[in-house]
C-alpha cells in the first residue's frame, strides 16, 4: 500500500490460551507519566493480549536473549498498527502462516516467563528495538531468499529482521551465515541474503516461509 495513508483502529480480543501464560508474572503496574522521547505511547491491553505478545516472543526468539525478544515484540506491535494486518495483538500473532505453529496454544516453560514478561511490559510501556525500528518482517538467521525487496536492519535472537523496499533499494549481495535461530517467524516475499554490512545486530528472528510474511 505504497503512497496510501491509512488509519487503523486497534482493538483487544479475548482468546483462550493454553499451556501457561504471562498473567501471573511481573504484574506490578509501572508509573506512567506520559510519552517518552524516542518511544511509542504506552499501551493498556488485556491480560490475554499481553500473553499473546509474550507468546510470539517466546516461540520466535532465543528466550535467553532479551534483545532478540524485544526485536520480535517490536515487529508484532509494528504490525498491530499497520492497516494491512489484523487489529488486535492476538489476531496479529495468530494470523495463519505468519508465526510459529501452535504459538497461541503450545505450553511455555515457567522458568522463561519472567524474562518474557519483563520484555512484554517494556514494549507495552513504549520501548521498541532501535534497529528494528518500523520493520514488520523477519526470518530465521542464516537463511537466504531470492528476492530483491528485502532491506535488512538487524540480526538478533536467532532472526534476521528486514523492511520490504523496492528492488532498487534492497540489498542484493550474498547473505552472511549467521548462527541458526531458535524458531521460524516472518514469512512472505523474502530477498537475497544480505551482506554483513547490511545487518545491524546479532541474532535470529522471523521467517519468510511461514511467520511474518514479507
N, C-alpha and C. Protein backbone atom coordinates (compact mmCIF):
# COMPACT_ATOMS: atom_id res chain seq x y z
N UNK A 1 0.83 -1.20 0.00
CA UNK A 1 0.00 0.00 0.00
C UNK A 1 0.86 1.24 0.00
N UNK A 2 1.76 1.32 -0.94
CA UNK A 2 2.68 2.46 -1.02
C UNK A 2 1.92 3.71 -1.42
N UNK A 3 2.26 4.82 -0.77
CA UNK A 3 1.67 6.10 -1.14
C UNK A 3 0.28 6.30 -0.58
N UNK A 4 -0.20 5.33 0.23
CA UNK A 4 -1.54 5.45 0.79
C UNK A 4 -1.43 5.58 2.29
N UNK A 5 -2.04 6.60 2.86
CA UNK A 5 -2.03 6.79 4.30
C UNK A 5 -3.31 6.20 4.85
N UNK A 6 -3.18 5.20 5.71
CA UNK A 6 -4.38 4.56 6.24
C UNK A 6 -4.37 4.61 7.75
N UNK A 7 -5.53 4.71 8.34
CA UNK A 7 -5.64 4.71 9.79
C UNK A 7 -6.23 3.38 10.20
N UNK A 8 -6.00 2.98 11.43
CA UNK A 8 -6.45 1.68 11.86
C UNK A 8 -6.88 1.74 13.31
N UNK A 9 -7.98 1.11 13.61
CA UNK A 9 -8.46 1.05 14.98
C UNK A 9 -7.92 -0.23 15.61
N UNK A 10 -7.16 -0.08 16.68
CA UNK A 10 -6.59 -1.23 17.36
C UNK A 10 -7.57 -1.68 18.41
N UNK A 11 -7.90 -2.96 18.41
CA UNK A 11 -8.88 -3.46 19.38
C UNK A 11 -8.28 -4.60 20.18
N UNK A 12 -8.90 -4.90 21.29
CA UNK A 12 -8.46 -6.03 22.10
C UNK A 12 -9.39 -7.19 21.83
N UNK A 13 -8.95 -8.40 22.12
CA UNK A 13 -9.79 -9.56 21.90
C UNK A 13 -9.57 -10.56 23.02
N UNK A 14 -10.54 -11.41 23.23
CA UNK A 14 -10.43 -12.43 24.27
C UNK A 14 -10.07 -13.74 23.60
N UNK A 15 -8.96 -14.34 24.01
CA UNK A 15 -8.50 -15.59 23.41
C UNK A 15 -8.20 -16.58 24.51
N UNK A 16 -8.63 -17.82 24.34
CA UNK A 16 -8.35 -18.85 25.32
C UNK A 16 -6.94 -19.36 25.07
N UNK A 17 -6.05 -19.13 26.00
CA UNK A 17 -4.66 -19.53 25.84
C UNK A 17 -4.35 -20.71 26.76
N UNK A 18 -3.72 -21.72 26.20
CA UNK A 18 -3.43 -22.92 26.96
C UNK A 18 -1.94 -23.03 27.22
N UNK A 19 -1.58 -23.88 28.18
CA UNK A 19 -0.17 -24.17 28.39
C UNK A 19 0.60 -23.05 29.05
N UNK A 20 0.02 -22.39 30.05
CA UNK A 20 0.73 -21.34 30.76
C UNK A 20 0.52 -19.98 30.13
N UNK A 21 0.71 -18.94 30.93
CA UNK A 21 0.55 -17.58 30.41
C UNK A 21 1.41 -16.64 31.22
N UNK A 22 1.49 -15.38 30.77
CA UNK A 22 2.29 -14.38 31.48
C UNK A 22 1.49 -13.67 32.55
N UNK A 23 0.19 -13.96 32.65
CA UNK A 23 -0.69 -13.18 33.51
C UNK A 23 -0.22 -13.05 34.95
N UNK A 24 0.44 -14.07 35.46
CA UNK A 24 0.87 -14.02 36.86
C UNK A 24 2.28 -13.49 37.03
N UNK A 25 2.92 -13.13 35.94
CA UNK A 25 4.31 -12.67 36.01
C UNK A 25 4.43 -11.16 36.02
N UNK A 26 5.20 -10.64 36.95
CA UNK A 26 5.52 -9.21 36.99
C UNK A 26 4.29 -8.33 36.78
N UNK A 27 3.34 -8.45 37.68
CA UNK A 27 2.06 -7.75 37.50
C UNK A 27 2.04 -6.34 38.07
N UNK A 28 3.11 -5.91 38.71
CA UNK A 28 3.13 -4.55 39.27
C UNK A 28 3.01 -3.53 38.15
N UNK A 29 2.11 -2.58 38.30
CA UNK A 29 1.90 -1.58 37.25
C UNK A 29 2.92 -0.45 37.38
N UNK A 30 3.67 -0.15 36.31
CA UNK A 30 4.65 0.94 36.36
C UNK A 30 3.94 2.28 36.36
N UNK A 31 4.60 3.28 36.90
CA UNK A 31 4.03 4.62 36.90
C UNK A 31 4.20 5.21 35.51
N UNK A 32 3.10 5.64 34.91
CA UNK A 32 3.14 6.21 33.58
C UNK A 32 3.02 7.72 33.67
N UNK A 33 4.01 8.41 33.14
CA UNK A 33 4.00 9.88 33.25
C UNK A 33 3.80 10.55 31.90
N UNK A 34 3.48 9.73 30.87
CA UNK A 34 3.26 10.31 29.55
C UNK A 34 4.29 9.80 28.56
N UNK A 35 4.27 10.34 27.36
CA UNK A 35 5.18 9.87 26.31
C UNK A 35 6.64 10.14 26.66
N UNK A 36 7.50 9.22 26.27
CA UNK A 36 8.94 9.37 26.48
C UNK A 36 9.57 9.64 25.12
N UNK A 37 10.41 10.68 25.02
CA UNK A 37 11.04 10.99 23.73
C UNK A 37 11.71 9.75 23.13
N UNK A 38 11.46 9.47 21.86
CA UNK A 38 12.07 8.33 21.21
C UNK A 38 11.33 7.03 21.43
N UNK A 39 10.23 7.08 22.16
CA UNK A 39 9.44 5.87 22.39
C UNK A 39 8.02 6.06 21.90
N UNK A 40 7.31 4.94 21.81
CA UNK A 40 5.91 4.99 21.43
C UNK A 40 5.08 5.29 22.69
N UNK A 41 3.83 5.66 22.47
CA UNK A 41 2.95 5.91 23.61
C UNK A 41 2.67 4.59 24.34
N UNK A 42 2.56 4.63 25.67
CA UNK A 42 2.25 3.40 26.43
C UNK A 42 0.90 2.84 25.98
N UNK A 43 0.75 1.54 26.06
CA UNK A 43 -0.49 0.87 25.67
C UNK A 43 -1.09 0.15 26.87
N UNK A 44 -2.40 0.20 26.99
CA UNK A 44 -3.11 -0.56 28.01
C UNK A 44 -3.86 -1.67 27.30
N UNK A 45 -3.52 -2.92 27.61
CA UNK A 45 -4.15 -4.05 26.93
C UNK A 45 -4.64 -5.06 27.96
N UNK A 46 -5.45 -6.00 27.52
CA UNK A 46 -5.96 -7.05 28.41
C UNK A 46 -4.84 -8.05 28.71
N UNK A 47 -5.06 -8.88 29.74
CA UNK A 47 -4.09 -9.92 30.07
C UNK A 47 -3.90 -10.87 28.88
N UNK A 48 -4.99 -11.15 28.16
CA UNK A 48 -4.90 -12.06 27.01
C UNK A 48 -4.01 -11.47 25.92
N UNK A 49 -4.14 -10.17 25.66
CA UNK A 49 -3.31 -9.52 24.64
C UNK A 49 -1.84 -9.50 25.05
N UNK A 50 -1.60 -9.23 26.32
CA UNK A 50 -0.22 -9.24 26.83
C UNK A 50 0.38 -10.64 26.68
N UNK A 51 -0.44 -11.65 26.95
CA UNK A 51 0.02 -13.01 26.84
C UNK A 51 0.35 -13.38 25.39
N UNK A 52 -0.48 -12.93 24.45
CA UNK A 52 -0.22 -13.21 23.03
C UNK A 52 1.09 -12.57 22.58
N UNK A 53 1.36 -11.36 23.05
CA UNK A 53 2.62 -10.69 22.73
C UNK A 53 3.79 -11.51 23.25
N UNK A 54 3.67 -11.95 24.51
CA UNK A 54 4.74 -12.76 25.10
C UNK A 54 4.94 -14.08 24.38
N UNK A 55 3.86 -14.69 23.94
CA UNK A 55 3.96 -15.97 23.24
C UNK A 55 4.69 -15.83 21.91
N UNK A 56 4.43 -14.76 21.20
CA UNK A 56 5.14 -14.54 19.92
C UNK A 56 6.64 -14.47 20.18
N UNK A 57 7.04 -13.73 21.20
CA UNK A 57 8.46 -13.61 21.52
C UNK A 57 9.03 -14.94 22.00
N UNK A 58 8.28 -15.63 22.84
CA UNK A 58 8.74 -16.89 23.42
C UNK A 58 9.04 -17.93 22.34
N UNK A 59 8.17 -18.07 21.37
CA UNK A 59 8.32 -19.11 20.36
C UNK A 59 9.10 -18.68 19.12
N UNK A 60 9.41 -17.40 19.00
CA UNK A 60 10.10 -16.94 17.79
C UNK A 60 11.53 -16.47 18.01
N UNK A 61 11.95 -16.33 19.26
CA UNK A 61 13.30 -15.83 19.52
C UNK A 61 14.01 -16.69 20.57
N UNK A 62 15.31 -16.51 20.67
CA UNK A 62 16.09 -17.17 21.70
C UNK A 62 15.64 -16.61 23.04
N UNK A 63 15.08 -17.43 23.89
CA UNK A 63 14.46 -16.95 25.14
C UNK A 63 15.45 -16.37 26.14
N UNK A 64 16.74 -16.65 25.96
CA UNK A 64 17.73 -16.12 26.89
C UNK A 64 18.26 -14.77 26.41
N UNK A 65 17.78 -14.32 25.27
CA UNK A 65 18.27 -13.08 24.65
C UNK A 65 17.19 -12.01 24.69
N UNK A 66 17.26 -11.12 25.68
CA UNK A 66 16.25 -10.07 25.82
C UNK A 66 16.20 -9.17 24.59
N UNK A 67 17.35 -8.94 23.96
CA UNK A 67 17.38 -8.10 22.77
C UNK A 67 16.60 -8.74 21.63
N UNK A 68 16.75 -10.07 21.48
CA UNK A 68 16.01 -10.79 20.46
C UNK A 68 14.53 -10.81 20.74
N UNK A 69 14.15 -10.96 22.00
CA UNK A 69 12.74 -10.92 22.38
C UNK A 69 12.14 -9.56 22.05
N UNK A 70 12.89 -8.51 22.38
CA UNK A 70 12.42 -7.15 22.12
C UNK A 70 12.22 -6.93 20.62
N UNK A 71 13.12 -7.49 19.82
CA UNK A 71 13.03 -7.31 18.37
C UNK A 71 11.76 -7.96 17.81
N UNK A 72 11.46 -9.18 18.24
CA UNK A 72 10.25 -9.85 17.77
C UNK A 72 9.01 -9.10 18.25
N UNK A 73 9.02 -8.67 19.50
CA UNK A 73 7.88 -7.92 20.03
C UNK A 73 7.65 -6.62 19.28
N UNK A 74 8.74 -6.00 18.86
CA UNK A 74 8.63 -4.76 18.09
C UNK A 74 7.93 -5.02 16.76
N UNK A 75 8.25 -6.13 16.11
CA UNK A 75 7.59 -6.49 14.85
C UNK A 75 6.09 -6.69 15.07
N UNK A 76 5.74 -7.39 16.15
CA UNK A 76 4.32 -7.64 16.45
C UNK A 76 3.57 -6.32 16.59
N UNK A 77 4.12 -5.39 17.36
CA UNK A 77 3.42 -4.12 17.59
C UNK A 77 3.45 -3.23 16.35
N UNK A 78 4.50 -3.33 15.54
CA UNK A 78 4.51 -2.59 14.27
C UNK A 78 3.37 -3.08 13.38
N UNK A 79 3.16 -4.38 13.36
CA UNK A 79 2.07 -4.94 12.56
C UNK A 79 0.71 -4.54 13.12
N UNK A 80 0.63 -4.48 14.42
CA UNK A 80 -0.64 -4.11 15.05
C UNK A 80 -1.13 -2.77 14.54
N UNK A 81 -0.21 -1.85 14.30
CA UNK A 81 -0.59 -0.50 13.89
C UNK A 81 -0.56 -0.30 12.37
N UNK A 82 -0.32 -1.38 11.63
CA UNK A 82 -0.31 -1.29 10.17
C UNK A 82 -1.66 -1.75 9.62
N UNK A 83 -2.20 -0.99 8.70
CA UNK A 83 -3.54 -1.28 8.17
C UNK A 83 -3.65 -2.62 7.46
N UNK A 84 -2.53 -3.16 6.97
CA UNK A 84 -2.60 -4.42 6.22
C UNK A 84 -2.64 -5.64 7.12
N UNK A 85 -2.51 -5.46 8.45
CA UNK A 85 -2.55 -6.58 9.38
C UNK A 85 -3.76 -6.47 10.30
N UNK A 86 -4.11 -7.57 11.00
CA UNK A 86 -5.28 -7.57 11.90
C UNK A 86 -5.20 -6.51 12.99
N UNK A 87 -6.34 -6.27 13.66
CA UNK A 87 -6.44 -5.15 14.59
C UNK A 87 -6.25 -5.44 16.06
N UNK A 88 -5.81 -6.64 16.44
CA UNK A 88 -5.51 -6.91 17.85
C UNK A 88 -4.22 -7.71 17.91
N UNK A 89 -3.55 -7.67 19.06
CA UNK A 89 -2.28 -8.40 19.19
C UNK A 89 -2.48 -9.89 18.96
N UNK A 90 -3.53 -10.45 19.56
CA UNK A 90 -3.76 -11.89 19.41
C UNK A 90 -4.07 -12.27 17.97
N UNK A 91 -4.77 -11.39 17.25
CA UNK A 91 -5.06 -11.68 15.84
C UNK A 91 -3.80 -11.57 14.99
N UNK A 92 -2.94 -10.62 15.32
CA UNK A 92 -1.67 -10.49 14.59
C UNK A 92 -0.82 -11.75 14.80
N UNK A 93 -0.68 -12.16 16.05
CA UNK A 93 0.15 -13.32 16.37
C UNK A 93 -0.46 -14.61 15.84
N UNK A 94 -1.79 -14.70 15.86
CA UNK A 94 -2.45 -15.92 15.40
C UNK A 94 -2.75 -15.95 13.92
N UNK A 95 -2.37 -14.92 13.17
CA UNK A 95 -2.65 -14.89 11.73
C UNK A 95 -2.03 -16.10 11.04
N UNK A 96 -2.82 -16.77 10.25
CA UNK A 96 -2.40 -18.02 9.60
C UNK A 96 -1.09 -17.85 8.81
N UNK A 97 -0.16 -18.78 9.07
CA UNK A 97 1.08 -18.81 8.32
C UNK A 97 2.08 -17.72 8.62
N UNK A 98 1.88 -16.96 9.70
CA UNK A 98 2.78 -15.86 9.98
C UNK A 98 3.75 -16.14 11.12
N UNK A 99 3.30 -16.75 12.18
CA UNK A 99 4.19 -17.06 13.29
C UNK A 99 4.20 -18.57 13.54
N UNK A 100 4.99 -19.00 14.49
CA UNK A 100 5.18 -20.43 14.74
C UNK A 100 3.87 -21.18 14.93
N UNK A 101 3.79 -22.37 14.39
CA UNK A 101 2.59 -23.20 14.54
C UNK A 101 2.33 -23.45 16.02
N UNK A 102 1.09 -23.27 16.44
CA UNK A 102 0.74 -23.51 17.84
C UNK A 102 1.16 -22.41 18.78
N UNK A 103 1.53 -21.24 18.23
CA UNK A 103 2.05 -20.15 19.07
C UNK A 103 1.07 -19.75 20.18
N UNK A 104 -0.23 -19.88 19.95
CA UNK A 104 -1.20 -19.46 20.95
C UNK A 104 -1.64 -20.58 21.89
N UNK A 105 -1.19 -21.80 21.63
CA UNK A 105 -1.66 -22.92 22.44
C UNK A 105 -0.58 -23.81 23.04
N UNK A 106 0.61 -23.81 22.47
CA UNK A 106 1.66 -24.70 22.98
C UNK A 106 2.09 -24.28 24.39
N UNK A 107 2.51 -25.23 25.21
CA UNK A 107 2.94 -24.92 26.58
C UNK A 107 4.24 -24.12 26.61
N UNK A 108 4.37 -23.26 27.60
CA UNK A 108 5.58 -22.48 27.82
C UNK A 108 6.18 -22.91 29.16
N UNK A 109 7.49 -22.91 29.25
CA UNK A 109 8.17 -23.29 30.48
C UNK A 109 8.21 -22.13 31.47
N UNK A 110 7.80 -22.38 32.69
CA UNK A 110 7.72 -21.34 33.71
C UNK A 110 9.04 -20.61 33.93
N UNK A 111 10.16 -21.31 33.77
CA UNK A 111 11.47 -20.69 34.04
C UNK A 111 11.79 -19.54 33.09
N UNK A 112 11.13 -19.50 31.94
CA UNK A 112 11.41 -18.44 30.96
C UNK A 112 10.44 -17.27 31.02
N UNK A 113 9.36 -17.44 31.79
CA UNK A 113 8.27 -16.47 31.70
C UNK A 113 8.58 -15.10 32.29
N UNK A 114 9.39 -15.03 33.34
CA UNK A 114 9.68 -13.73 33.94
C UNK A 114 10.43 -12.82 32.94
N UNK A 115 11.40 -13.40 32.24
CA UNK A 115 12.15 -12.60 31.27
C UNK A 115 11.23 -12.14 30.14
N UNK A 116 10.40 -13.05 29.63
CA UNK A 116 9.48 -12.70 28.56
C UNK A 116 8.50 -11.64 29.03
N UNK A 117 8.01 -11.78 30.26
CA UNK A 117 7.06 -10.81 30.80
C UNK A 117 7.70 -9.43 30.95
N UNK A 118 8.96 -9.40 31.38
CA UNK A 118 9.68 -8.12 31.52
C UNK A 118 9.74 -7.39 30.17
N UNK A 119 10.07 -8.14 29.12
CA UNK A 119 10.20 -7.53 27.80
C UNK A 119 8.83 -7.11 27.28
N UNK A 120 7.81 -7.94 27.50
CA UNK A 120 6.45 -7.59 27.05
C UNK A 120 6.00 -6.29 27.72
N UNK A 121 6.26 -6.16 29.01
CA UNK A 121 5.85 -4.95 29.72
C UNK A 121 6.62 -3.72 29.24
N UNK A 122 7.89 -3.92 28.91
CA UNK A 122 8.68 -2.80 28.39
C UNK A 122 8.11 -2.33 27.05
N UNK A 123 7.71 -3.28 26.20
CA UNK A 123 7.11 -2.93 24.91
C UNK A 123 5.80 -2.18 25.10
N UNK A 124 4.98 -2.66 26.01
CA UNK A 124 3.69 -2.01 26.24
C UNK A 124 3.86 -0.63 26.87
N UNK A 125 5.01 -0.42 27.53
CA UNK A 125 5.30 0.89 28.12
C UNK A 125 5.88 1.85 27.08
N UNK A 126 6.10 1.34 25.85
CA UNK A 126 6.56 2.22 24.78
C UNK A 126 7.94 1.93 24.22
N UNK A 127 8.66 0.97 24.81
CA UNK A 127 10.01 0.68 24.30
C UNK A 127 9.94 -0.11 23.00
N UNK A 128 10.89 0.14 22.10
CA UNK A 128 10.98 -0.58 20.84
C UNK A 128 12.45 -0.89 20.57
N UNK A 129 12.69 -1.90 19.75
CA UNK A 129 14.08 -2.22 19.39
C UNK A 129 14.57 -1.12 18.45
N UNK A 130 15.66 -0.42 18.79
CA UNK A 130 16.11 0.73 17.99
C UNK A 130 16.55 0.39 16.57
N UNK A 131 17.05 -0.81 16.34
CA UNK A 131 17.50 -1.17 15.00
C UNK A 131 16.36 -1.74 14.16
N UNK A 132 15.46 -2.46 14.80
CA UNK A 132 14.30 -2.98 14.07
C UNK A 132 13.40 -1.83 13.64
N UNK A 133 13.28 -0.82 14.51
CA UNK A 133 12.51 0.39 14.19
C UNK A 133 11.12 0.04 13.67
N UNK A 134 10.80 0.36 12.41
CA UNK A 134 9.46 0.13 11.87
C UNK A 134 9.35 -1.15 11.04
N UNK A 135 10.38 -1.97 11.03
CA UNK A 135 10.35 -3.20 10.24
C UNK A 135 9.22 -4.13 10.70
N UNK A 136 8.62 -4.83 9.76
CA UNK A 136 7.50 -5.71 10.08
C UNK A 136 7.74 -7.17 9.66
N UNK A 137 8.97 -7.50 9.28
CA UNK A 137 9.25 -8.85 8.80
C UNK A 137 10.57 -9.37 9.35
N UNK A 138 10.66 -10.70 9.46
CA UNK A 138 11.92 -11.32 9.87
C UNK A 138 11.88 -12.79 9.47
N UNK A 139 13.04 -13.40 9.44
CA UNK A 139 13.12 -14.83 9.17
C UNK A 139 14.31 -15.38 9.93
N UNK A 140 14.40 -16.68 9.99
CA UNK A 140 15.47 -17.33 10.71
C UNK A 140 16.83 -16.88 10.17
N UNK A 141 17.70 -16.48 11.05
CA UNK A 141 19.03 -16.02 10.63
C UNK A 141 19.78 -17.15 9.94
N UNK A 142 20.53 -16.79 8.90
CA UNK A 142 21.32 -17.78 8.18
C UNK A 142 20.65 -18.30 6.93
N UNK A 143 19.34 -18.06 6.79
CA UNK A 143 18.64 -18.49 5.58
C UNK A 143 18.81 -17.42 4.51
N UNK A 144 18.59 -17.81 3.26
CA UNK A 144 18.70 -16.84 2.19
C UNK A 144 17.54 -17.04 1.22
N UNK A 145 17.10 -15.95 0.61
CA UNK A 145 15.96 -15.98 -0.30
C UNK A 145 16.27 -15.19 -1.56
N UNK A 146 15.66 -15.57 -2.69
CA UNK A 146 15.97 -14.96 -3.98
C UNK A 146 15.18 -13.69 -4.30
N UNK A 147 14.80 -12.93 -3.29
CA UNK A 147 14.02 -11.72 -3.54
C UNK A 147 14.89 -10.48 -3.44
N UNK A 148 14.53 -9.46 -4.17
CA UNK A 148 15.33 -8.24 -4.17
C UNK A 148 14.71 -7.08 -3.42
N UNK A 149 13.67 -7.35 -2.62
CA UNK A 149 12.98 -6.25 -1.93
C UNK A 149 13.21 -6.25 -0.43
N UNK A 150 14.16 -7.04 0.04
CA UNK A 150 14.41 -7.14 1.48
C UNK A 150 15.61 -6.29 1.89
N UNK A 151 15.35 -5.35 2.78
CA UNK A 151 16.42 -4.50 3.31
C UNK A 151 16.62 -4.87 4.77
N UNK A 152 17.74 -5.50 5.09
CA UNK A 152 18.00 -5.98 6.44
C UNK A 152 18.42 -4.85 7.38
N UNK A 153 17.86 -4.87 8.57
CA UNK A 153 18.14 -3.82 9.54
C UNK A 153 18.74 -4.35 10.84
N UNK A 154 18.52 -5.64 11.14
CA UNK A 154 19.04 -6.19 12.40
C UNK A 154 19.07 -7.70 12.35
N UNK A 155 20.01 -8.28 13.09
CA UNK A 155 20.06 -9.72 13.28
C UNK A 155 20.25 -9.93 14.77
N UNK A 156 19.28 -10.56 15.42
CA UNK A 156 19.36 -10.74 16.87
C UNK A 156 18.39 -11.83 17.31
N UNK A 157 18.71 -12.51 18.39
CA UNK A 157 17.81 -13.53 18.92
C UNK A 157 17.57 -14.70 18.01
N UNK A 158 18.46 -14.91 17.01
CA UNK A 158 18.28 -16.03 16.09
C UNK A 158 17.51 -15.67 14.83
N UNK A 159 17.19 -14.39 14.64
CA UNK A 159 16.42 -13.95 13.48
C UNK A 159 17.06 -12.78 12.75
N UNK A 160 16.75 -12.64 11.47
CA UNK A 160 17.20 -11.51 10.67
C UNK A 160 15.96 -10.67 10.34
N UNK A 161 15.99 -9.40 10.70
CA UNK A 161 14.84 -8.51 10.53
C UNK A 161 15.03 -7.61 9.32
N UNK A 162 13.95 -7.38 8.60
CA UNK A 162 14.08 -6.58 7.38
C UNK A 162 12.82 -5.79 7.06
N UNK A 163 13.03 -4.77 6.24
CA UNK A 163 11.94 -3.98 5.70
C UNK A 163 11.77 -4.40 4.25
N UNK A 164 10.56 -4.28 3.74
CA UNK A 164 10.33 -4.56 2.32
C UNK A 164 10.44 -3.26 1.56
N UNK A 165 11.38 -3.20 0.64
CA UNK A 165 11.58 -2.00 -0.16
C UNK A 165 11.59 -2.38 -1.64
N UNK A 166 11.56 -1.38 -2.50
CA UNK A 166 11.60 -1.65 -3.93
C UNK A 166 12.92 -2.33 -4.24
N UNK A 167 12.93 -3.16 -5.27
CA UNK A 167 14.12 -3.93 -5.61
C UNK A 167 15.36 -3.07 -5.76
N UNK A 168 15.21 -1.85 -6.26
CA UNK A 168 16.36 -0.98 -6.48
C UNK A 168 17.03 -0.53 -5.20
N UNK A 169 16.27 -0.56 -4.07
CA UNK A 169 16.82 -0.09 -2.80
C UNK A 169 17.28 -1.22 -1.91
N UNK A 170 16.83 -2.42 -2.18
CA UNK A 170 17.15 -3.52 -1.28
C UNK A 170 18.53 -4.10 -1.57
N UNK A 171 19.14 -4.64 -0.55
CA UNK A 171 20.46 -5.25 -0.71
C UNK A 171 20.33 -6.54 -1.50
N UNK A 172 21.31 -6.79 -2.40
CA UNK A 172 21.20 -7.98 -3.23
C UNK A 172 22.49 -8.78 -3.21
N UNK A 173 23.28 -8.61 -2.18
CA UNK A 173 24.53 -9.35 -2.11
C UNK A 173 24.35 -10.64 -1.31
N UNK A 174 25.38 -11.43 -1.26
CA UNK A 174 25.26 -12.70 -0.58
C UNK A 174 25.08 -12.53 0.91
N UNK A 175 24.28 -13.43 1.49
CA UNK A 175 24.00 -13.37 2.92
C UNK A 175 25.09 -14.01 3.74
N UNK A 176 25.38 -13.39 4.87
CA UNK A 176 26.39 -13.97 5.75
C UNK A 176 25.74 -15.17 6.43
N UNK A 177 26.56 -16.12 6.87
CA UNK A 177 26.00 -17.30 7.52
C UNK A 177 25.90 -17.04 9.01
N UNK A 178 24.71 -16.64 9.45
CA UNK A 178 24.50 -16.34 10.86
C UNK A 178 24.19 -17.62 11.62
N UNK A 179 24.32 -17.53 12.93
CA UNK A 179 24.04 -18.68 13.77
C UNK A 179 22.58 -19.11 13.61
N UNK A 180 22.34 -20.39 13.63
CA UNK A 180 20.97 -20.88 13.45
C UNK A 180 20.09 -20.38 14.55
N UNK A 181 18.85 -19.93 14.24
CA UNK A 181 17.92 -19.37 15.21
C UNK A 181 17.14 -20.41 15.96
N UNK A 182 16.35 -19.92 16.92
CA UNK A 182 15.55 -20.83 17.73
C UNK A 182 14.23 -21.16 17.09
N UNK A 183 13.75 -20.33 16.15
CA UNK A 183 12.44 -20.58 15.55
C UNK A 183 12.25 -19.80 14.29
N UNK A 184 11.27 -20.24 13.48
CA UNK A 184 10.91 -19.53 12.26
C UNK A 184 9.86 -18.51 12.61
N UNK A 185 9.83 -17.33 11.92
CA UNK A 185 8.80 -16.38 12.25
C UNK A 185 8.23 -15.64 11.11
N UNK A 186 8.87 -14.70 10.48
CA UNK A 186 8.19 -13.90 9.48
C UNK A 186 8.29 -14.52 8.13
N UNK A 187 7.24 -14.39 7.35
CA UNK A 187 7.21 -15.01 6.07
C UNK A 187 6.71 -14.07 5.01
N UNK A 188 6.91 -14.39 3.75
CA UNK A 188 6.44 -13.53 2.68
C UNK A 188 7.54 -13.38 1.68
N UNK A 189 7.44 -12.45 0.75
CA UNK A 189 8.48 -12.26 -0.26
C UNK A 189 9.80 -11.94 0.40
N UNK A 190 10.71 -12.85 0.46
CA UNK A 190 12.00 -12.58 1.06
C UNK A 190 13.06 -12.33 0.02
N UNK A 191 14.09 -11.50 0.34
CA UNK A 191 15.10 -11.13 -0.63
C UNK A 191 16.34 -11.98 -0.53
N UNK A 192 17.30 -11.69 -1.39
CA UNK A 192 18.56 -12.40 -1.37
C UNK A 192 19.25 -12.11 -0.05
N UNK A 193 20.02 -13.09 0.45
CA UNK A 193 20.67 -12.90 1.72
C UNK A 193 21.52 -11.67 1.71
N UNK A 194 21.47 -10.87 2.79
CA UNK A 194 22.19 -9.61 2.83
C UNK A 194 23.62 -9.76 3.31
N UNK A 195 24.46 -8.78 2.99
CA UNK A 195 25.85 -8.82 3.44
C UNK A 195 25.91 -8.41 4.89
N UNK A 196 26.98 -8.77 5.57
CA UNK A 196 27.09 -8.44 6.99
C UNK A 196 26.90 -6.95 7.20
N UNK A 197 27.36 -6.14 6.29
CA UNK A 197 27.27 -4.69 6.43
C UNK A 197 25.84 -4.20 6.46
N UNK A 198 24.92 -4.96 5.89
CA UNK A 198 23.53 -4.53 5.85
C UNK A 198 22.77 -4.93 7.11
N UNK A 199 23.41 -5.73 7.95
CA UNK A 199 22.73 -6.20 9.13
C UNK A 199 23.22 -5.50 10.38
N UNK A 200 22.28 -4.96 11.16
CA UNK A 200 22.64 -4.31 12.40
C UNK A 200 22.19 -5.19 13.53
N UNK A 201 23.10 -5.78 14.27
CA UNK A 201 22.69 -6.60 15.38
C UNK A 201 23.35 -7.97 15.30
N UNK A 202 22.84 -8.94 16.07
CA UNK A 202 23.39 -10.28 16.02
C UNK A 202 22.45 -11.27 16.64
N UNK A 203 21.65 -11.98 15.83
CA UNK A 203 20.76 -12.95 16.40
C UNK A 203 19.91 -13.60 15.36
N UNK A 204 18.66 -13.96 15.72
CA UNK A 204 17.76 -14.60 14.77
C UNK A 204 16.38 -14.06 14.93
N UNK A 205 15.46 -14.38 14.01
CA UNK A 205 14.16 -13.76 14.11
C UNK A 205 13.01 -14.47 13.49
N UNK A 206 12.26 -13.88 12.57
CA UNK A 206 11.08 -14.46 11.97
C UNK A 206 11.38 -15.21 10.71
N UNK A 207 10.40 -15.64 10.00
CA UNK A 207 10.67 -16.42 8.80
C UNK A 207 9.85 -15.99 7.60
N UNK A 208 10.42 -15.98 6.43
CA UNK A 208 9.71 -15.61 5.22
C UNK A 208 8.95 -16.78 4.64
N UNK A 209 8.98 -17.94 5.28
CA UNK A 209 8.29 -19.07 4.71
C UNK A 209 7.07 -19.45 5.53
N UNK A 210 6.69 -18.65 6.50
CA UNK A 210 5.51 -19.01 7.27
C UNK A 210 5.16 -18.05 8.35
N UNK A 211 6.11 -17.35 8.95
CA UNK A 211 5.78 -16.48 10.05
C UNK A 211 5.40 -15.12 9.55
N UNK A 212 6.23 -14.13 9.70
CA UNK A 212 5.85 -12.81 9.26
C UNK A 212 6.10 -12.70 7.77
N UNK A 213 5.07 -12.82 6.98
CA UNK A 213 5.24 -12.84 5.54
C UNK A 213 5.69 -11.52 4.98
N UNK A 214 6.76 -11.52 4.17
CA UNK A 214 7.27 -10.26 3.59
C UNK A 214 6.36 -9.73 2.54
